[in-house]
Amino acid sequence: MSHSLHRFGKKPESLKGDFCIYARAAKGVNRGKGVGDKLRKILDIYMSERAVNFGSSHGGRSFSNGLKAEEYAKTLDESYGIIATFDSGESVKGVLKKAKEADTGISIVVSGLIDEVVKIARECGLKPHTATLSLGIFGKVKCLPEDDVLEMTTMCGHSLVSSELIRNVMEKVRSGKLSPEEASLIASKPCTCGIFNTTRCAKKFRGELQ
């Protein structure tokens, strides 16, 4: 799931509690008739483990922007995958255990700090068969926004969350015009596929992540 791999953190600690789980049917294998019921089952599992965010790039909205799980579920007959964001390893473990038991045949991809993801998988009796790693940022890095901003913008893998939006809501948090939670919801809105972690964003705005 390459578009969720490039989340930036100044330290590994700033990336803890930030996981994305993508369930995706494969073309020519299990995509098409009947996949909607399987995806709805996985969506139920996501919600039972307190998903922070999810979304639909086709529908143009995320959970943090008002998309309801019941509404989203109705659209899954025409879909081939669903993605959700979680803020704890325990939630990820719960999803993987329930997905293993459900045995839908849908591929499950988890992104996060590799050591944490592998540890969680093994605790669930699963053996990851593939790993894709981000090797960092190369090129004219001086053209990038400041680190505090980059940590937020890279939570949208399609680069829809702008640097100016993050700077704007950061300043409003500092001046008391917005709470960290309100600011994180505003920041997340352009990310329609729902991989923007509003919990991590609010922690950053509260100064809890360095």
N, C-alpha and C. Protein backbone atom coordinates (compact mmCIF):
# COMPACT_ATOMS: atom_id res chain seq x y z
N MET A 1 0.86 -1.18 0.00
CA MET A 1 0.00 0.00 0.00
C MET A 1 0.89 1.23 0.00
N SER A 2 1.47 1.52 -1.13
CA SER A 2 2.56 2.49 -1.18
C SER A 2 2.15 3.90 -0.78
N HIS A 3 0.89 4.27 -1.02
CA HIS A 3 0.52 5.66 -0.73
C HIS A 3 0.40 5.95 0.76
N SER A 4 0.44 4.93 1.60
CA SER A 4 0.43 5.17 3.05
C SER A 4 1.81 4.94 3.67
N LEU A 5 2.81 4.63 2.86
CA LEU A 5 4.12 4.30 3.39
C LEU A 5 4.98 5.51 3.71
N HIS A 6 4.67 6.63 3.14
CA HIS A 6 5.60 7.75 3.19
C HIS A 6 5.26 8.77 4.28
N ARG A 7 4.64 8.31 5.35
CA ARG A 7 4.35 9.18 6.48
C ARG A 7 5.68 9.58 7.14
N PHE A 8 5.83 10.87 7.34
CA PHE A 8 7.09 11.39 7.85
C PHE A 8 7.02 11.55 9.36
N GLY A 9 8.12 11.20 10.01
CA GLY A 9 8.24 11.43 11.44
C GLY A 9 9.67 11.79 11.77
N LYS A 10 9.86 12.79 12.60
CA LYS A 10 11.23 13.17 12.97
C LYS A 10 11.91 12.08 13.78
N LYS A 11 11.09 11.33 14.54
CA LYS A 11 11.59 10.22 15.34
C LYS A 11 10.60 9.05 15.19
N PRO A 12 11.07 7.81 15.35
CA PRO A 12 10.14 6.67 15.28
C PRO A 12 8.96 6.80 16.26
N GLU A 13 9.24 7.41 17.42
CA GLU A 13 8.18 7.56 18.43
C GLU A 13 6.99 8.36 17.90
N SER A 14 7.26 9.29 16.97
CA SER A 14 6.17 10.12 16.45
C SER A 14 5.28 9.36 15.48
N LEU A 15 5.71 8.15 15.08
CA LEU A 15 4.92 7.32 14.17
C LEU A 15 4.25 6.16 14.87
N LYS A 16 4.44 6.06 16.18
CA LYS A 16 3.74 5.02 16.93
C LYS A 16 2.26 5.36 17.01
N GLY A 17 1.44 4.33 17.09
CA GLY A 17 0.00 4.58 17.16
C GLY A 17 -0.55 5.12 15.86
N ASP A 18 0.03 4.71 14.75
CA ASP A 18 -0.42 5.18 13.43
C ASP A 18 -0.36 4.02 12.45
N PHE A 19 -1.51 3.42 12.18
CA PHE A 19 -1.59 2.24 11.32
C PHE A 19 -2.70 2.41 10.29
N CYS A 20 -2.48 1.90 9.10
CA CYS A 20 -3.52 1.82 8.08
C CYS A 20 -3.70 0.35 7.70
N ILE A 21 -4.94 -0.06 7.52
CA ILE A 21 -5.24 -1.42 7.10
C ILE A 21 -6.09 -1.36 5.83
N TYR A 22 -5.60 -2.01 4.79
CA TYR A 22 -6.28 -1.99 3.49
C TYR A 22 -6.68 -3.41 3.13
N ALA A 23 -7.99 -3.62 2.94
CA ALA A 23 -8.50 -4.90 2.45
C ALA A 23 -8.84 -4.71 0.98
N ARG A 24 -8.26 -5.52 0.12
CA ARG A 24 -8.40 -5.30 -1.32
C ARG A 24 -8.60 -6.63 -2.06
N ALA A 25 -9.66 -6.69 -2.85
CA ALA A 25 -9.90 -7.85 -3.70
C ALA A 25 -9.01 -7.76 -4.94
N ALA A 26 -8.60 -8.90 -5.45
CA ALA A 26 -7.67 -8.94 -6.57
C ALA A 26 -8.42 -9.14 -7.89
N LYS A 27 -8.05 -8.34 -8.88
CA LYS A 27 -8.65 -8.46 -10.22
C LYS A 27 -8.35 -9.84 -10.80
N GLY A 28 -9.39 -10.48 -11.29
CA GLY A 28 -9.23 -11.80 -11.88
C GLY A 28 -9.23 -12.93 -10.88
N VAL A 29 -9.33 -12.58 -9.58
CA VAL A 29 -9.30 -13.61 -8.54
C VAL A 29 -10.60 -13.59 -7.74
N ASN A 30 -10.84 -12.50 -7.01
CA ASN A 30 -12.04 -12.45 -6.17
C ASN A 30 -12.74 -11.09 -6.23
N ARG A 31 -12.48 -10.34 -7.28
CA ARG A 31 -13.18 -9.07 -7.46
C ARG A 31 -14.45 -9.32 -8.27
N GLY A 32 -15.52 -8.61 -7.93
CA GLY A 32 -16.76 -8.78 -8.69
C GLY A 32 -17.90 -9.25 -7.82
N LYS A 33 -18.74 -10.12 -8.34
CA LYS A 33 -19.96 -10.56 -7.66
C LYS A 33 -19.65 -11.16 -6.30
N GLY A 34 -20.36 -10.68 -5.30
CA GLY A 34 -20.20 -11.21 -3.95
C GLY A 34 -19.16 -10.51 -3.11
N VAL A 35 -18.34 -9.66 -3.74
CA VAL A 35 -17.28 -9.01 -2.96
C VAL A 35 -17.85 -8.00 -1.98
N GLY A 36 -18.99 -7.40 -2.31
CA GLY A 36 -19.59 -6.40 -1.43
C GLY A 36 -19.87 -6.94 -0.04
N ASP A 37 -20.41 -8.16 0.04
CA ASP A 37 -20.72 -8.76 1.34
C ASP A 37 -19.44 -8.98 2.15
N LYS A 38 -18.37 -9.38 1.47
CA LYS A 38 -17.10 -9.60 2.15
C LYS A 38 -16.51 -8.29 2.66
N LEU A 39 -16.60 -7.26 1.85
CA LEU A 39 -16.08 -5.96 2.27
C LEU A 39 -16.92 -5.37 3.41
N ARG A 40 -18.22 -5.61 3.37
CA ARG A 40 -19.06 -5.13 4.48
C ARG A 40 -18.69 -5.84 5.78
N LYS A 41 -18.36 -7.11 5.69
CA LYS A 41 -17.93 -7.84 6.88
C LYS A 41 -16.65 -7.23 7.43
N ILE A 42 -15.72 -6.90 6.54
CA ILE A 42 -14.47 -6.29 6.98
C ILE A 42 -14.71 -4.91 7.55
N LEU A 43 -15.61 -4.14 6.95
CA LEU A 43 -15.95 -2.83 7.50
C LEU A 43 -16.52 -2.96 8.91
N ASP A 44 -17.37 -3.95 9.13
CA ASP A 44 -17.89 -4.20 10.47
C ASP A 44 -16.76 -4.49 11.45
N ILE A 45 -15.77 -5.27 11.00
CA ILE A 45 -14.61 -5.57 11.85
C ILE A 45 -13.84 -4.30 12.16
N TYR A 46 -13.60 -3.48 11.15
CA TYR A 46 -12.92 -2.19 11.37
C TYR A 46 -13.62 -1.38 12.46
N MET A 47 -14.93 -1.24 12.32
CA MET A 47 -15.67 -0.40 13.25
C MET A 47 -15.72 -1.01 14.66
N SER A 48 -15.71 -2.33 14.74
CA SER A 48 -15.73 -2.98 16.06
C SER A 48 -14.43 -2.77 16.81
N GLU A 49 -13.38 -2.39 16.08
CA GLU A 49 -12.08 -2.15 16.70
C GLU A 49 -11.71 -0.67 16.69
N ARG A 50 -12.73 0.18 16.67
CA ARG A 50 -12.56 1.63 16.85
C ARG A 50 -11.66 2.28 15.80
N ALA A 51 -12.04 2.08 14.54
CA ALA A 51 -11.32 2.76 13.47
C ALA A 51 -11.37 4.27 13.69
N VAL A 52 -10.24 4.94 13.54
CA VAL A 52 -10.17 6.39 13.68
C VAL A 52 -10.74 7.08 12.45
N ASN A 53 -10.47 6.50 11.29
CA ASN A 53 -10.90 7.12 10.04
C ASN A 53 -11.01 6.05 8.97
N PHE A 54 -11.85 6.29 7.98
CA PHE A 54 -11.93 5.49 6.77
C PHE A 54 -12.54 6.40 5.72
N GLY A 55 -12.53 5.96 4.48
CA GLY A 55 -13.09 6.84 3.47
C GLY A 55 -13.22 6.20 2.12
N SER A 56 -13.73 6.99 1.20
CA SER A 56 -13.94 6.53 -0.17
C SER A 56 -13.50 7.63 -1.12
N SER A 57 -12.40 7.39 -1.84
CA SER A 57 -11.96 8.38 -2.81
C SER A 57 -12.97 8.52 -3.94
N HIS A 58 -13.71 7.43 -4.23
CA HIS A 58 -14.74 7.50 -5.26
C HIS A 58 -15.92 8.35 -4.79
N GLY A 59 -16.27 8.20 -3.51
CA GLY A 59 -17.38 8.97 -2.97
C GLY A 59 -16.99 10.38 -2.57
N GLY A 60 -15.69 10.61 -2.43
CA GLY A 60 -15.21 11.95 -2.13
C GLY A 60 -15.36 12.39 -0.69
N ARG A 61 -15.52 11.41 0.23
CA ARG A 61 -15.67 11.78 1.65
C ARG A 61 -15.02 10.74 2.54
N SER A 62 -14.66 11.17 3.74
CA SER A 62 -14.10 10.27 4.74
C SER A 62 -14.99 10.28 5.98
N PHE A 63 -14.72 9.35 6.89
CA PHE A 63 -15.44 9.26 8.16
C PHE A 63 -15.30 10.57 8.94
N SER A 64 -14.09 11.13 8.95
CA SER A 64 -13.87 12.38 9.68
C SER A 64 -14.58 13.56 9.02
N ASN A 65 -15.04 13.36 7.80
CA ASN A 65 -15.77 14.41 7.07
C ASN A 65 -17.24 14.05 6.91
N GLY A 66 -17.73 13.18 7.80
CA GLY A 66 -19.16 12.91 7.86
C GLY A 66 -19.66 11.66 7.18
N LEU A 67 -18.79 10.85 6.58
CA LEU A 67 -19.23 9.61 5.95
C LEU A 67 -19.56 8.57 7.03
N LYS A 68 -20.78 8.09 7.05
CA LYS A 68 -21.21 7.10 8.04
C LYS A 68 -20.95 5.68 7.53
N ALA A 69 -20.64 4.80 8.46
CA ALA A 69 -20.33 3.42 8.08
C ALA A 69 -21.51 2.77 7.36
N GLU A 70 -22.74 3.04 7.81
CA GLU A 70 -23.91 2.44 7.19
C GLU A 70 -24.08 2.94 5.76
N GLU A 71 -23.81 4.22 5.56
CA GLU A 71 -23.90 4.81 4.23
C GLU A 71 -22.84 4.23 3.31
N TYR A 72 -21.62 4.12 3.84
CA TYR A 72 -20.51 3.59 3.06
C TYR A 72 -20.75 2.13 2.67
N ALA A 73 -21.31 1.36 3.61
CA ALA A 73 -21.53 -0.07 3.37
C ALA A 73 -22.41 -0.32 2.14
N LYS A 74 -23.35 0.57 1.88
CA LYS A 74 -24.26 0.41 0.75
C LYS A 74 -23.56 0.53 -0.60
N THR A 75 -22.39 1.14 -0.62
CA THR A 75 -21.69 1.37 -1.88
C THR A 75 -20.68 0.27 -2.21
N LEU A 76 -20.49 -0.68 -1.33
CA LEU A 76 -19.37 -1.61 -1.47
C LEU A 76 -19.57 -2.69 -2.51
N ASP A 77 -20.78 -2.85 -3.05
CA ASP A 77 -20.97 -3.82 -4.13
C ASP A 77 -20.20 -3.41 -5.37
N GLU A 78 -19.98 -2.11 -5.52
CA GLU A 78 -19.27 -1.60 -6.69
C GLU A 78 -17.80 -1.32 -6.39
N SER A 79 -17.35 -1.72 -5.22
CA SER A 79 -15.98 -1.42 -4.80
C SER A 79 -15.10 -2.66 -4.91
N TYR A 80 -13.82 -2.49 -4.63
CA TYR A 80 -12.90 -3.62 -4.61
C TYR A 80 -11.97 -3.57 -3.41
N GLY A 81 -12.14 -2.57 -2.54
CA GLY A 81 -11.30 -2.52 -1.36
C GLY A 81 -11.73 -1.44 -0.40
N ILE A 82 -11.38 -1.60 0.85
CA ILE A 82 -11.67 -0.58 1.86
C ILE A 82 -10.45 -0.41 2.76
N ILE A 83 -10.23 0.82 3.15
CA ILE A 83 -9.07 1.17 3.96
C ILE A 83 -9.53 1.89 5.22
N ALA A 84 -8.83 1.67 6.31
CA ALA A 84 -9.15 2.36 7.56
C ALA A 84 -7.87 2.65 8.33
N THR A 85 -7.95 3.64 9.21
CA THR A 85 -6.81 4.08 10.01
C THR A 85 -7.08 3.81 11.48
N PHE A 86 -6.05 3.39 12.19
CA PHE A 86 -6.17 3.03 13.61
C PHE A 86 -5.06 3.71 14.41
N ASP A 87 -5.34 3.97 15.69
CA ASP A 87 -4.36 4.67 16.52
C ASP A 87 -3.76 3.80 17.62
N SER A 88 -3.97 2.48 17.55
CA SER A 88 -3.36 1.60 18.56
C SER A 88 -3.06 0.23 17.99
N GLY A 89 -2.00 -0.37 18.49
CA GLY A 89 -1.65 -1.72 18.09
C GLY A 89 -2.70 -2.73 18.51
N GLU A 90 -3.35 -2.50 19.63
CA GLU A 90 -4.38 -3.42 20.11
C GLU A 90 -5.56 -3.47 19.14
N SER A 91 -5.91 -2.32 18.56
CA SER A 91 -6.99 -2.30 17.57
C SER A 91 -6.59 -3.09 16.33
N VAL A 92 -5.34 -2.91 15.90
CA VAL A 92 -4.85 -3.64 14.72
C VAL A 92 -4.87 -5.14 15.00
N LYS A 93 -4.43 -5.52 16.18
CA LYS A 93 -4.44 -6.93 16.55
C LYS A 93 -5.87 -7.49 16.52
N GLY A 94 -6.80 -6.72 17.04
CA GLY A 94 -8.20 -7.14 17.02
C GLY A 94 -8.72 -7.33 15.61
N VAL A 95 -8.38 -6.40 14.72
CA VAL A 95 -8.81 -6.52 13.32
C VAL A 95 -8.24 -7.78 12.68
N LEU A 96 -6.94 -8.01 12.86
CA LEU A 96 -6.31 -9.16 12.23
C LEU A 96 -6.85 -10.48 12.75
N LYS A 97 -7.10 -10.56 14.05
CA LYS A 97 -7.65 -11.79 14.61
C LYS A 97 -9.05 -12.06 14.05
N LYS A 98 -9.87 -11.02 13.97
CA LYS A 98 -11.23 -11.19 13.46
C LYS A 98 -11.24 -11.46 11.96
N ALA A 99 -10.33 -10.81 11.23
CA ALA A 99 -10.25 -11.03 9.79
C ALA A 99 -9.79 -12.46 9.49
N LYS A 100 -8.85 -12.96 10.30
CA LYS A 100 -8.39 -14.33 10.13
C LYS A 100 -9.53 -15.31 10.35
N GLU A 101 -10.33 -15.06 11.39
CA GLU A 101 -11.46 -15.94 11.69
C GLU A 101 -12.53 -15.85 10.60
N ALA A 102 -12.77 -14.64 10.08
CA ALA A 102 -13.80 -14.45 9.04
C ALA A 102 -13.41 -15.14 7.74
N ASP A 103 -12.12 -15.20 7.44
CA ASP A 103 -11.61 -15.93 6.27
C ASP A 103 -12.35 -15.54 4.99
N THR A 104 -12.37 -14.27 4.68
CA THR A 104 -13.08 -13.79 3.49
C THR A 104 -12.33 -14.03 2.19
N GLY A 105 -11.04 -14.31 2.29
CA GLY A 105 -10.24 -14.47 1.07
C GLY A 105 -9.74 -13.15 0.50
N ILE A 106 -10.04 -12.05 1.20
CA ILE A 106 -9.61 -10.72 0.76
C ILE A 106 -8.21 -10.44 1.33
N SER A 107 -7.33 -9.93 0.49
CA SER A 107 -5.97 -9.59 0.93
C SER A 107 -6.00 -8.45 1.94
N ILE A 108 -5.21 -8.59 3.00
CA ILE A 108 -5.13 -7.56 4.04
C ILE A 108 -3.70 -7.02 4.10
N VAL A 109 -3.58 -5.71 3.97
CA VAL A 109 -2.27 -5.05 4.02
C VAL A 109 -2.27 -4.08 5.20
N VAL A 110 -1.24 -4.16 6.03
CA VAL A 110 -1.12 -3.27 7.19
C VAL A 110 0.13 -2.40 7.00
N SER A 111 -0.01 -1.10 7.20
CA SER A 111 1.17 -0.24 7.18
C SER A 111 1.35 0.42 8.53
N GLY A 112 2.60 0.61 8.90
CA GLY A 112 2.96 1.20 10.17
C GLY A 112 4.45 0.97 10.36
N LEU A 113 4.96 1.21 11.54
CA LEU A 113 6.36 0.90 11.83
C LEU A 113 6.55 -0.61 11.68
N ILE A 114 7.52 -1.02 10.86
CA ILE A 114 7.65 -2.41 10.46
C ILE A 114 7.81 -3.35 11.66
N ASP A 115 8.59 -2.95 12.67
CA ASP A 115 8.78 -3.83 13.83
C ASP A 115 7.46 -4.06 14.56
N GLU A 116 6.65 -3.01 14.67
CA GLU A 116 5.36 -3.14 15.36
C GLU A 116 4.41 -4.02 14.56
N VAL A 117 4.36 -3.82 13.25
CA VAL A 117 3.44 -4.58 12.40
C VAL A 117 3.79 -6.07 12.43
N VAL A 118 5.07 -6.40 12.31
CA VAL A 118 5.49 -7.81 12.33
C VAL A 118 5.18 -8.44 13.68
N LYS A 119 5.45 -7.73 14.76
CA LYS A 119 5.17 -8.24 16.10
C LYS A 119 3.68 -8.54 16.27
N ILE A 120 2.82 -7.61 15.84
CA ILE A 120 1.38 -7.80 15.96
C ILE A 120 0.92 -9.00 15.13
N ALA A 121 1.44 -9.11 13.91
CA ALA A 121 1.05 -10.23 13.04
C ALA A 121 1.41 -11.56 13.69
N ARG A 122 2.59 -11.65 14.24
CA ARG A 122 3.02 -12.91 14.86
C ARG A 122 2.19 -13.24 16.08
N GLU A 123 1.79 -12.22 16.83
CA GLU A 123 0.94 -12.45 18.00
C GLU A 123 -0.43 -12.97 17.59
N CYS A 124 -0.81 -12.71 16.33
CA CYS A 124 -2.10 -13.18 15.81
C CYS A 124 -1.95 -14.52 15.08
N GLY A 125 -0.74 -15.07 15.10
CA GLY A 125 -0.51 -16.33 14.41
C GLY A 125 -0.39 -16.17 12.91
N LEU A 126 0.01 -14.98 12.46
CA LEU A 126 0.14 -14.69 11.03
C LEU A 126 1.59 -14.45 10.67
N LYS A 127 1.95 -14.81 9.46
CA LYS A 127 3.30 -14.58 8.98
C LYS A 127 3.24 -13.66 7.76
N PRO A 128 3.70 -12.41 7.90
CA PRO A 128 3.69 -11.51 6.74
C PRO A 128 4.51 -12.10 5.60
N HIS A 129 3.95 -12.08 4.38
CA HIS A 129 4.68 -12.70 3.27
C HIS A 129 5.37 -11.66 2.37
N THR A 130 5.05 -10.39 2.56
CA THR A 130 5.65 -9.34 1.74
C THR A 130 5.81 -8.08 2.58
N ALA A 131 6.90 -7.36 2.36
CA ALA A 131 7.09 -6.09 3.05
C ALA A 131 7.60 -5.05 2.05
N THR A 132 7.00 -3.88 2.09
CA THR A 132 7.44 -2.76 1.28
C THR A 132 7.86 -1.64 2.22
N LEU A 133 9.05 -1.11 2.03
CA LEU A 133 9.59 -0.11 2.93
C LEU A 133 9.81 1.22 2.23
N SER A 134 9.57 2.30 2.94
CA SER A 134 9.91 3.62 2.43
C SER A 134 11.38 3.89 2.74
N LEU A 135 12.12 4.33 1.75
CA LEU A 135 13.55 4.57 1.93
C LEU A 135 13.86 6.03 2.24
N GLY A 136 12.84 6.83 2.47
CA GLY A 136 13.07 8.23 2.83
C GLY A 136 12.88 9.17 1.65
N ILE A 137 13.35 10.39 1.81
CA ILE A 137 13.14 11.44 0.83
C ILE A 137 14.46 11.83 0.19
N PHE A 138 14.49 11.87 -1.12
CA PHE A 138 15.70 12.22 -1.85
C PHE A 138 15.41 13.41 -2.77
N GLY A 139 16.46 14.09 -3.18
CA GLY A 139 16.29 15.22 -4.09
C GLY A 139 16.44 16.55 -3.38
N LYS A 140 15.73 17.56 -3.85
CA LYS A 140 15.86 18.91 -3.30
C LYS A 140 14.99 19.04 -2.04
N VAL A 141 15.48 18.44 -0.95
CA VAL A 141 14.70 18.41 0.29
C VAL A 141 14.51 19.80 0.88
N LYS A 142 15.33 20.76 0.49
CA LYS A 142 15.16 22.13 0.98
C LYS A 142 13.86 22.75 0.48
N CYS A 143 13.29 22.16 -0.57
CA CYS A 143 12.03 22.66 -1.12
C CYS A 143 10.82 22.17 -0.32
N LEU A 144 11.06 21.24 0.58
CA LEU A 144 9.95 20.68 1.36
C LEU A 144 9.54 21.64 2.48
N PRO A 145 8.31 21.52 2.95
CA PRO A 145 7.89 22.33 4.09
C PRO A 145 8.63 21.92 5.35
N GLU A 146 8.51 22.69 6.40
CA GLU A 146 9.15 22.39 7.68
C GLU A 146 8.65 21.05 8.21
N ASP A 147 9.47 20.41 9.06
CA ASP A 147 9.18 19.06 9.53
C ASP A 147 7.82 18.93 10.20
N ASP A 148 7.46 19.89 11.05
CA ASP A 148 6.18 19.82 11.76
C ASP A 148 5.01 19.77 10.79
N VAL A 149 5.14 20.49 9.69
CA VAL A 149 4.08 20.50 8.67
C VAL A 149 4.13 19.21 7.86
N LEU A 150 5.32 18.76 7.52
CA LEU A 150 5.48 17.56 6.71
C LEU A 150 4.91 16.33 7.42
N GLU A 151 5.01 16.30 8.73
CA GLU A 151 4.44 15.18 9.48
C GLU A 151 2.93 15.08 9.28
N MET A 152 2.29 16.21 9.05
CA MET A 152 0.85 16.21 8.86
C MET A 152 0.46 15.99 7.39
N THR A 153 1.13 16.67 6.48
CA THR A 153 0.74 16.56 5.06
C THR A 153 0.97 15.15 4.52
N THR A 154 1.98 14.45 5.02
CA THR A 154 2.27 13.10 4.50
C THR A 154 1.29 12.05 5.02
N MET A 155 0.38 12.43 5.89
CA MET A 155 -0.67 11.48 6.29
C MET A 155 -1.75 11.36 5.23
N CYS A 156 -1.69 12.18 4.20
CA CYS A 156 -2.54 11.99 3.03
C CYS A 156 -1.63 11.53 1.90
N GLY A 157 -1.72 10.25 1.56
CA GLY A 157 -0.81 9.68 0.57
C GLY A 157 -1.00 10.20 -0.83
N HIS A 158 -2.14 10.85 -1.09
CA HIS A 158 -2.38 11.43 -2.42
C HIS A 158 -2.05 12.92 -2.47
N SER A 159 -1.43 13.42 -1.40
CA SER A 159 -0.95 14.83 -1.35
C SER A 159 -2.07 15.85 -1.53
N LEU A 160 -3.22 15.56 -0.93
CA LEU A 160 -4.35 16.50 -1.01
C LEU A 160 -4.41 17.47 0.15
N VAL A 161 -3.67 17.18 1.22
CA VAL A 161 -3.63 18.08 2.38
C VAL A 161 -2.46 19.04 2.18
N SER A 162 -2.75 20.30 2.03
CA SER A 162 -1.71 21.27 1.68
C SER A 162 -0.95 21.78 2.90
N SER A 163 0.26 22.24 2.63
CA SER A 163 1.08 22.82 3.69
C SER A 163 0.42 24.06 4.28
N GLU A 164 -0.19 24.87 3.43
CA GLU A 164 -0.82 26.11 3.91
C GLU A 164 -2.01 25.82 4.81
N LEU A 165 -2.75 24.76 4.50
CA LEU A 165 -3.87 24.38 5.37
C LEU A 165 -3.35 24.01 6.76
N ILE A 166 -2.28 23.21 6.81
CA ILE A 166 -1.72 22.79 8.09
C ILE A 166 -1.20 24.00 8.86
N ARG A 167 -0.47 24.89 8.19
CA ARG A 167 0.03 26.09 8.88
C ARG A 167 -1.12 26.94 9.42
N ASN A 168 -2.19 27.03 8.65
CA ASN A 168 -3.34 27.84 9.05
C ASN A 168 -3.99 27.29 10.31
N VAL A 169 -4.26 25.97 10.34
CA VAL A 169 -4.93 25.42 11.53
C VAL A 169 -3.98 25.37 12.72
N MET A 170 -2.68 25.19 12.46
CA MET A 170 -1.71 25.24 13.56
C MET A 170 -1.74 26.59 14.26
N GLU A 171 -1.76 27.64 13.47
CA GLU A 171 -1.78 28.99 14.03
C GLU A 171 -3.07 29.23 14.81
N LYS A 172 -4.18 28.71 14.32
CA LYS A 172 -5.46 28.89 15.03
C LYS A 172 -5.48 28.11 16.34
N VAL A 173 -4.79 26.97 16.39
CA VAL A 173 -4.67 26.24 17.65
C VAL A 173 -3.84 27.06 18.63
N ARG A 174 -2.72 27.61 18.15
CA ARG A 174 -1.84 28.40 19.02
C ARG A 174 -2.57 29.62 19.58
N SER A 175 -3.43 30.22 18.77
CA SER A 175 -4.13 31.44 19.20
C SER A 175 -5.42 31.14 19.96
N GLY A 176 -5.75 29.87 20.10
CA GLY A 176 -6.94 29.49 20.86
C GLY A 176 -8.23 29.54 20.07
N LYS A 177 -8.15 29.78 18.76
CA LYS A 177 -9.36 29.85 17.93
C LYS A 177 -9.93 28.47 17.62
N LEU A 178 -9.07 27.45 17.66
CA LEU A 178 -9.51 26.08 17.42
C LEU A 178 -8.89 25.17 18.47
N SER A 179 -9.62 24.13 18.86
CA SER A 179 -9.03 23.10 19.71
C SER A 179 -8.21 22.17 18.81
N PRO A 180 -7.27 21.42 19.38
CA PRO A 180 -6.51 20.47 18.56
C PRO A 180 -7.40 19.47 17.83
N GLU A 181 -8.49 19.07 18.48
CA GLU A 181 -9.40 18.11 17.86
C GLU A 181 -10.15 18.75 16.68
N GLU A 182 -10.60 19.98 16.86
CA GLU A 182 -11.28 20.68 15.76
C GLU A 182 -10.33 20.89 14.58
N ALA A 183 -9.11 21.28 14.90
CA ALA A 183 -8.12 21.52 13.85
C ALA A 183 -7.78 20.25 13.09
N SER A 184 -7.71 19.12 13.80
CA SER A 184 -7.37 17.86 13.13
C SER A 184 -8.47 17.42 12.17
N LEU A 185 -9.72 17.69 12.52
CA LEU A 185 -10.82 17.35 11.61
C LEU A 185 -10.77 18.22 10.35
N ILE A 186 -10.49 19.49 10.51
CA ILE A 186 -10.37 20.38 9.35
C ILE A 186 -9.22 19.93 8.46
N ALA A 187 -8.10 19.60 9.08
CA ALA A 187 -6.92 19.18 8.32
C ALA A 187 -7.17 17.89 7.55
N SER A 188 -8.01 17.03 8.09
CA SER A 188 -8.24 15.71 7.48
C SER A 188 -9.20 15.75 6.29
N LYS A 189 -10.00 16.79 6.16
CA LYS A 189 -11.10 16.79 5.18
C LYS A 189 -10.66 16.55 3.74
N PRO A 190 -9.56 17.12 3.26
CA PRO A 190 -9.19 16.87 1.86
C PRO A 190 -8.80 15.42 1.57
N CYS A 191 -8.45 14.66 2.60
CA CYS A 191 -8.01 13.27 2.42
C CYS A 191 -9.23 12.37 2.36
N THR A 192 -9.77 12.18 1.17
CA THR A 192 -11.05 11.47 1.03
C THR A 192 -10.95 9.97 1.25
N CYS A 193 -9.76 9.38 1.08
CA CYS A 193 -9.68 7.93 1.26
C CYS A 193 -9.56 7.54 2.73
N GLY A 194 -9.38 8.50 3.62
CA GLY A 194 -9.49 8.23 5.05
C GLY A 194 -8.27 7.67 5.73
N ILE A 195 -7.06 7.90 5.18
CA ILE A 195 -5.87 7.41 5.88
C ILE A 195 -5.23 8.50 6.75
N PHE A 196 -5.85 9.65 6.82
CA PHE A 196 -5.36 10.72 7.69
C PHE A 196 -5.73 10.39 9.12
N ASN A 197 -4.73 10.28 9.98
CA ASN A 197 -4.93 9.88 11.38
C ASN A 197 -5.20 11.11 12.23
N THR A 198 -6.46 11.35 12.54
CA THR A 198 -6.85 12.55 13.29
C THR A 198 -6.35 12.50 14.73
N THR A 199 -6.20 11.31 15.29
CA THR A 199 -5.66 11.18 16.65
C THR A 199 -4.22 11.67 16.69
N ARG A 200 -3.41 11.20 15.75
CA ARG A 200 -2.01 11.62 15.69
C ARG A 200 -1.91 13.12 15.43
N CYS A 201 -2.76 13.63 14.57
CA CYS A 201 -2.74 15.06 14.25
C CYS A 201 -3.04 15.89 15.49
N ALA A 202 -4.07 15.51 16.24
CA ALA A 202 -4.44 16.25 17.45
C ALA A 202 -3.32 16.20 18.48
N LYS A 203 -2.66 15.05 18.61
CA LYS A 203 -1.53 14.94 19.54
C LYS A 203 -0.42 15.90 19.12
N LYS A 204 -0.18 15.99 17.82
CA LYS A 204 0.85 16.89 17.33
C LYS A 204 0.49 18.34 17.66
N PHE A 205 -0.75 18.69 17.45
CA PHE A 205 -1.19 20.07 17.73
C PHE A 205 -1.14 20.36 19.23
N ARG A 206 -1.29 19.33 20.08
CA ARG A 206 -1.21 19.53 21.53
C ARG A 206 0.25 19.55 22.01
N GLY A 207 1.18 19.29 21.13
CA GLY A 207 2.59 19.28 21.52
C GLY A 207 3.03 18.00 22.16
N GLU A 208 2.26 16.90 21.99
CA GLU A 208 2.61 15.64 22.63
C GLU A 208 3.58 14.81 21.79
N LEU A 209 3.75 15.17 20.51
CA LEU A 209 4.67 14.46 19.63
C LEU A 209 5.78 15.42 19.21
N GLN A 210 7.01 14.99 19.40
CA GLN A 210 8.15 15.85 19.03
C GLN A 210 8.94 15.22 17.87
